[in-house]
Amino acid sequence: MGDTLEFNEIYQEVKGSWNDGRLRFSKQNVVYKSSKTGKVDSIPASELNLAQWRRVCLGHGIKLGTSSGHVYKYDGFRDTDFEKISEFFKTNYKLELAEKDMCVKGWNWGTAKFSGPLLSFDVNDNTAFEVPLSNVSQCATGKNEVTLEFHQNDDTEVSLMEVRFYVPPSQSDERQDPVEAFAQSVLSKADVIQATGDAVCIFKELQCLTPRGRYDIRIYPTFLHLHGKTFDYKIPYTTVLRLFLLPHKDQRQMFFVISLDPPIKQGQTRYHFLILLFSKEEDISLTLNMSEEDVERRFEGKLSKNMSGSLYEMVSRVMKALVNRKITVPGNFQGHSGAQCITCSYKASSGLLYPLERGFIYVHKPPVHLRFEEISCVNFARGTTTTRSFDFEIETKQGNQYTFSSIEREEYGKLFDFVNAKKLNIKNRGFKEKKGMKGNIDEYSDSDEDQHDAYLERMKAEGKIREEGNDSDESDAESDESFNPGEEDDDIAEEYDSNASASDSSEDGDDSEDDSAKKKKAKKPKPVKEKKERKPRKEKKKKQKDTGGPKRPMSAYMLWLNSSRERIKSENPGISITEISKKAGEMWRQLGKDEKEEWDAKAGEAKRDYDKAKKEYKESGGGSASVSKKESKKSGGKKDEKKRKSAGGDKDKDRGGNDSFKSREFIETSESSSDSDHKSKSKRKKESDDDEEEEAMTTPASSEEESD
């Protein structure tokens, strides 16, 4: 067995919600890291004195107890993990992993036991449920009742508000009320903030950005009290995740950021970060409200009774000692202007983005902290409004996207080098590498006039292609308009054009009318010749697919992709459809000759089967039957077309009788057009008679084929 055991997707219950993370058992300690907050719990192996294996709602769980009285519970194990964990505990911790059964009878009466930070409700010596007393926000007593109220968690869909216990009166010991004894046992371990005693120190009128306003900060041994004109907030030190000390870009101010989980609440507003703004020039002399011996014993040299210095240094030093967490400062990143941050905008508010050693933090509205381990990829995008700036996009593994916009293009080189050095996945890196990293930095540092804008050139090229496509469409449309001269729509359009030109030219005089009439006579016979010559063009559109025939065979690559798609999905969970095709293309190119020949052979076999099936299909007459059906449909369509045209012609005659006035040129053109119409109609009659004879010949044959 190895020195460590590691498990993924292990869950820890936090105020009613399940937070997943990673658990590692080593010889020295037990370490659990939350995926949501990044918080690390480390339990020294020498302090472990209890280990229980229990069946819980998420499979199986482990309950660990320490000599200091703390209890840790982790769920999400499989049944098969028991043997190796038990053996590891015996070998390295000299501790037996005992199996403990839970009571599932559903009884609501039993025995309440207080063991460290847990209230256990037992039925017949088996635990029915446990209440972590740190989740209790208030405890109220009645005549024979004790009511426990709980802290609410915004991440849970359903929250438990309170639990009531009925405590029967005790007849053995009348001096102590059992209800009061129960309540005192709860309050001794509950997370109930009571401002008893004096504050360690007080900072007056500090400027706070979130929540906005000026607050007096009172430092107590276990919590932080923000006292403002309108609101008060009490923040337990156990809810503090991280501390940040960040210099402002103007080099005259400092941000002190406190990350909180769970956040402080004001109505429906949640403040995950407490941000204080200090001036570097403001100094303070601080005296702690403790004796020198207490200060030395409590803080072990981290603080002294009398201190003086910059205000931001005093606040950060006191908070670091009380919370017992490191203060995060910007790393070795330096922007174009020499500052350790980048000016940008997030959600239409301007702020500062700080690249840290293990993440990014944006201040201040709204504050955002992103750890490198939760970032899926980053992307450098062109600014939406101008080419003088760019956008920096961060996509997390949970699918959330953060876009920091309006970053000066001079910052691009420094930021790209930083992201590259931290080995973050850059979404558009392939494009960057082709041009070279230095080329991109120079590209952003040059002015708009001197630089060759590849994006603009590409847009121009696409515009030219669209214009050529539009020209070709217009030429096709013009030829299509003059394709069927015999239809009534074309005649109507020509009459409308001639009338419009006549009305325009009538203002100029009779001479222009004569000229327009001559032009019309010359243009009229032109489309008639083109129609007869272009009739065969429509035959191309008549071709249709035979839906009843066999399907075409797949290529070697498609056969390989169908068999490998599920494997690609399992190896890359959460991959999108487009990414699957990209990944598959890369994998196919990396395949060896032997493997590709195998799939080529399968594709060849599928092609031979297709040819054979197609030949059999044609011999059985499948294709000819469908063709005969199409011909019958076309001939039927021609008859309907003739009926519509004849009906339309009668209507036009009726309309013509009602006209009160006809111009000289209209009479001439109408006579010539009527002569051509008579000729075309006689030709159509002959063609329709021939079509009917052909249809009569083909119909019995097609019906016999269908019956077969």
Foldseek 3Di string as FASTA:
>chain_A
DDQKDKDFQKWFDDQHDTFTWMWMDGLFWIWTATPPQRDIDTGGLQFWDDWEWEQDPQAIKIWTAGPVQDIGIIDNDHPVVVVVVQVSCCVRSVDGHYYAYADDPPDPDADWDDRRQKTFGDDPNHTHDIDRLQQFADWDFDDQKIKTAGDDDPVDPDHDGIDMDGHDADDPDPVDGPRVVVRVSSVVNYNYDDPPDAFQWKDAQFAWVVVGDTWIWTHHLFWIWTHDPPDIDIGGLVQWDAWEWEADPVNFKIKIKTAGVPFTDDPPDGARIIITMFGQPAKDKIATPDDQVCCCVQQVPLDGRIDIDGPVVVVVSVSCSSSVHDYFYADPQAFPVRGQWWWWDWPNHIWTWHDHPFWIWTDDVPIDTGGLVQWQEKEWAQAPPDNQWIWIWTAGPVGDITITTDTGLLRVLSVVVVCVVSVGHYPPVVVDPVCDSVVSNVQNVDDPVPHDDPVVVVVVVVVVVVVVVVVVVVVVVVLVLLQDPLFPVNVVVLVVVLVVQCVVCVVVHDVSNVVSLVVSVVPPVVSVVVNVVCVCVCVVVLDDDLVPADDAFDALLVVVCVVCQVVVCVVPPPDDPVVSVVVSVVVVVVDDPVVSVVSRVVRVVSRVVRVVRRVVCVVLPSVVLVVLVSLVVVLVVVVVVVVVRVVVVVVVVVVVVVDPDDDPSRVVVVVVVVVVNVVVVVVVVVVNVVSVVVCVVSVVVSVVSVVD
